[in-house]
Amino acid sequence: METFLFMAILTMLVIAVISFIVLKKRWQFSIKLFLVGLIGFALPVMMIEGPINALVLSSFSHSSKWFTIIYGGFMAGLVEETTRYLVFKVLAKKRSLMTSDIVAYGFGHGLSEFIFLG
């Protein structure tokens, strides 16, 4: 079991590094926006969504799996999309956003989620 876990983690890291290299070459995106994307997923999920989910789901532990699925999707959408909206609102005030900026943020966000779920 430990070997499988190690191989899964190693595979995830290899996929992440190769994806980063390919996307960085293809889109010439900013490392700063990539890091903002990483933090833009991790911070709100850990500081806002996690505690709320723990509170709500522990109170409704006897409820159906459908409640958990619908509630989880709603909270993920609410927290992640609100964060994304606020980040892009702040970035758009500083300069005009290009497609590569959005790719950098999206890749950072997706990679952060990939690491957390893995």
C-alpha atoms as a PDB file:
ATOM      1  CA  MET A   1       0.000   0.000   0.000  1.00  0.00           C
ATOM      2  CA  GLU A   2       2.826   2.421   0.843  1.00  0.00           C
ATOM      3  CA  THR A   3       4.493   1.734  -2.502  1.00  0.00           C
ATOM      4  CA  PHE A   4       1.257   2.514  -4.316  1.00  0.00           C
ATOM      5  CA  LEU A   5       0.838   5.775  -2.407  1.00  0.00           C
ATOM      6  CA  PHE A   6       4.420   6.789  -3.139  1.00  0.00           C
ATOM      7  CA  MET A   7       3.983   6.006  -6.845  1.00  0.00           C
ATOM      8  CA  ALA A   8       0.725   7.976  -6.973  1.00  0.00           C
ATOM      9  CA  ILE A   9       2.372  11.028  -5.383  1.00  0.00           C
ATOM     10  CA  LEU A  10       5.404  10.734  -7.648  1.00  0.00           C
ATOM     11  CA  THR A  11       3.167  10.449 -10.725  1.00  0.00           C
ATOM     12  CA  MET A  12       1.200  13.535  -9.659  1.00  0.00           C
ATOM     13  CA  LEU A  13       4.384  15.540  -9.226  1.00  0.00           C
ATOM     14  CA  VAL A  14       5.745  14.437 -12.610  1.00  0.00           C
ATOM     15  CA  ILE A  15       2.450  15.347 -14.312  1.00  0.00           C
ATOM     16  CA  ALA A  16       2.467  18.734 -12.567  1.00  0.00           C
ATOM     17  CA  VAL A  17       6.062  19.559 -13.538  1.00  0.00           C
ATOM     18  CA  ILE A  18       5.633  18.470 -17.165  1.00  0.00           C
ATOM     19  CA  SER A  19       2.354  20.390 -17.442  1.00  0.00           C
ATOM     20  CA  PHE A  20       3.980  23.477 -15.959  1.00  0.00           C
ATOM     21  CA  ILE A  21       6.899  23.342 -18.419  1.00  0.00           C
ATOM     22  CA  VAL A  22       4.641  22.798 -21.429  1.00  0.00           C
ATOM     23  CA  LEU A  23       2.171  25.524 -20.460  1.00  0.00           C
ATOM     24  CA  LYS A  24       4.915  27.972 -19.518  1.00  0.00           C
ATOM     25  CA  LYS A  25       6.522  27.504 -22.948  1.00  0.00           C
ATOM     26  CA  ARG A  26       3.229  27.647 -24.822  1.00  0.00           C
ATOM     27  CA  TRP A  27       1.653  30.652 -23.070  1.00  0.00           C
ATOM     28  CA  GLN A  28       4.662  32.553 -21.660  1.00  0.00           C
ATOM     29  CA  PHE A  29       2.679  33.286 -18.515  1.00  0.00           C
ATOM     30  CA  SER A  30       3.717  35.079 -15.361  1.00  0.00           C
ATOM     31  CA  ILE A  31       5.003  32.994 -12.475  1.00  0.00           C
ATOM     32  CA  LYS A  32       3.421  35.521 -10.098  1.00  0.00           C
ATOM     33  CA  LEU A  33      -0.051  34.894 -11.501  1.00  0.00           C
ATOM     34  CA  PHE A  34       0.572  31.162 -11.344  1.00  0.00           C
ATOM     35  CA  LEU A  35       1.390  31.515  -7.631  1.00  0.00           C
ATOM     36  CA  VAL A  36      -1.668  33.722  -7.133  1.00  0.00           C
ATOM     37  CA  GLY A  37      -3.709  30.890  -8.650  1.00  0.00           C
ATOM     38  CA  LEU A  38      -2.145  28.364  -6.277  1.00  0.00           C
ATOM     39  CA  ILE A  39      -2.891  30.558  -3.288  1.00  0.00           C
ATOM     40  CA  GLY A  40      -6.257  31.644  -4.727  1.00  0.00           C
ATOM     41  CA  PHE A  41      -7.510  28.103  -4.359  1.00  0.00           C
ATOM     42  CA  ALA A  42      -5.693  26.898  -1.258  1.00  0.00           C
ATOM     43  CA  LEU A  43      -6.251  29.806   1.095  1.00  0.00           C
ATOM     44  CA  PRO A  44     -10.037  30.283   0.718  1.00  0.00           C
ATOM     45  CA  VAL A  45     -10.677  26.539   0.721  1.00  0.00           C
ATOM     46  CA  MET A  46      -8.674  25.997   3.915  1.00  0.00           C
ATOM     47  CA  MET A  47      -9.740  29.166   5.742  1.00  0.00           C
ATOM     48  CA  ILE A  48     -13.366  29.632   4.645  1.00  0.00           C
ATOM     49  CA  GLU A  49     -14.817  26.541   3.026  1.00  0.00           C
ATOM     50  CA  GLY A  50     -13.159  23.927   5.256  1.00  0.00           C
ATOM     51  CA  PRO A  51     -14.406  25.192   8.633  1.00  0.00           C
ATOM     52  CA  ILE A  52     -17.911  25.879   7.294  1.00  0.00           C
ATOM     53  CA  ASN A  53     -18.086  22.415   5.749  1.00  0.00           C
ATOM     54  CA  ALA A  54     -16.881  20.807   8.978  1.00  0.00           C
ATOM     55  CA  LEU A  55     -19.551  22.634  10.961  1.00  0.00           C
ATOM     56  CA  VAL A  56     -22.439  22.038   8.572  1.00  0.00           C
ATOM     57  CA  LEU A  57     -21.618  18.455   7.652  1.00  0.00           C
ATOM     58  CA  SER A  58     -21.046  17.437  11.285  1.00  0.00           C
ATOM     59  CA  SER A  59     -24.468  18.855  12.213  1.00  0.00           C
ATOM     60  CA  PHE A  60     -26.141  17.050   9.326  1.00  0.00           C
ATOM     61  CA  SER A  61     -24.206  13.791   9.571  1.00  0.00           C
ATOM     62  CA  HIS A  62     -27.439  11.818   9.550  1.00  0.00           C
ATOM     63  CA  SER A  63     -28.613  13.421   6.290  1.00  0.00           C
ATOM     64  CA  SER A  64     -28.558  11.808   2.879  1.00  0.00           C
ATOM     65  CA  LYS A  65     -25.631  11.569   0.513  1.00  0.00           C
ATOM     66  CA  TRP A  66     -27.534  13.822  -1.911  1.00  0.00           C
ATOM     67  CA  PHE A  67     -27.504  16.650   0.613  1.00  0.00           C
ATOM     68  CA  THR A  68     -23.743  16.247   0.963  1.00  0.00           C
ATOM     69  CA  ILE A  69     -23.245  16.228  -2.820  1.00  0.00           C
ATOM     70  CA  ILE A  70     -25.435  19.266  -3.481  1.00  0.00           C
ATOM     71  CA  TYR A  71     -24.117  21.196  -0.491  1.00  0.00           C
ATOM     72  CA  GLY A  72     -20.492  20.392  -1.355  1.00  0.00           C
ATOM     73  CA  GLY A  73     -20.917  21.524  -4.949  1.00  0.00           C
ATOM     74  CA  PHE A  74     -22.682  24.702  -3.879  1.00  0.00           C
ATOM     75  CA  MET A  75     -20.000  25.628  -1.337  1.00  0.00           C
ATOM     76  CA  ALA A  76     -17.144  24.837  -3.713  1.00  0.00           C
ATOM     77  CA  GLY A  77     -18.715  26.995  -6.404  1.00  0.00           C
ATOM     78  CA  LEU A  78     -19.540  29.825  -4.048  1.00  0.00           C
ATOM     79  CA  VAL A  79     -16.124  30.060  -2.403  1.00  0.00           C
ATOM     80  CA  GLU A  80     -13.938  29.323  -5.439  1.00  0.00           C
ATOM     81  CA  GLU A  81     -15.840  31.478  -7.922  1.00  0.00           C
ATOM     82  CA  THR A  82     -16.110  34.398  -5.502  1.00  0.00           C
ATOM     83  CA  THR A  83     -12.370  34.207  -4.916  1.00  0.00           C
ATOM     84  CA  ARG A  84     -11.684  34.050  -8.644  1.00  0.00           C
ATOM     85  CA  TYR A  85     -13.969  37.045  -9.264  1.00  0.00           C
ATOM     86  CA  LEU A  86     -12.269  39.132  -6.572  1.00  0.00           C
ATOM     87  CA  VAL A  87      -8.755  38.220  -7.746  1.00  0.00           C
ATOM     88  CA  PHE A  88      -9.535  39.134 -11.359  1.00  0.00           C
ATOM     89  CA  LYS A  89     -11.272  42.341 -10.250  1.00  0.00           C
ATOM     90  CA  VAL A  90      -8.118  43.432  -8.378  1.00  0.00           C
ATOM     91  CA  LEU A  91      -5.803  42.356 -11.219  1.00  0.00           C
ATOM     92  CA  ALA A  92      -7.912  44.132 -13.837  1.00  0.00           C
ATOM     93  CA  LYS A  93      -7.542  47.412 -11.935  1.00  0.00           C
ATOM     94  CA  LYS A  94      -3.749  47.182 -12.133  1.00  0.00           C
ATOM     95  CA  ARG A  95      -3.490  46.333 -15.825  1.00  0.00           C
ATOM     96  CA  SER A  96      -5.437  44.864 -18.685  1.00  0.00           C
ATOM     97  CA  LEU A  97      -5.599  41.080 -18.481  1.00  0.00           C
ATOM     98  CA  MET A  98      -4.404  38.874 -21.312  1.00  0.00           C
ATOM     99  CA  THR A  99      -5.238  35.255 -22.105  1.00  0.00           C
ATOM    100  CA  SER A 100      -1.875  34.138 -20.705  1.00  0.00           C
ATOM    101  CA  ASP A 101      -2.775  35.745 -17.348  1.00  0.00           C
ATOM    102  CA  ILE A 102      -5.971  33.752 -17.174  1.00  0.00           C
ATOM    103  CA  VAL A 103      -4.149  30.552 -18.168  1.00  0.00           C
ATOM    104  CA  ALA A 104      -1.520  31.157 -15.463  1.00  0.00           C
ATOM    105  CA  TYR A 105      -4.133  31.734 -12.761  1.00  0.00           C
ATOM    106  CA  GLY A 106      -6.252  28.801 -13.928  1.00  0.00           C
ATOM    107  CA  PHE A 107      -3.290  26.459 -14.048  1.00  0.00           C
ATOM    108  CA  GLY A 108      -2.203  27.480 -10.546  1.00  0.00           C
ATOM    109  CA  HIS A 109      -5.757  27.036  -9.269  1.00  0.00           C
ATOM    110  CA  GLY A 110      -6.141  23.655 -10.968  1.00  0.00           C
ATOM    111  CA  LEU A 111      -2.748  22.429  -9.811  1.00  0.00           C
ATOM    112  CA  SER A 112      -3.522  23.397  -6.240  1.00  0.00           C
ATOM    113  CA  GLU A 113      -6.802  21.470  -6.419  1.00  0.00           C
ATOM    114  CA  PHE A 114      -5.009  18.546  -8.066  1.00  0.00           C
ATOM    115  CA  ILE A 115      -2.518  18.412  -5.199  1.00  0.00           C
ATOM    116  CA  PHE A 116      -5.203  18.690  -2.498  1.00  0.00           C
ATOM    117  CA  LEU A 117      -7.414  16.013  -4.019  1.00  0.00           C
ATOM    118  CA  GLY A 118      -4.470  13.739  -4.704  1.00  0.00           C
END
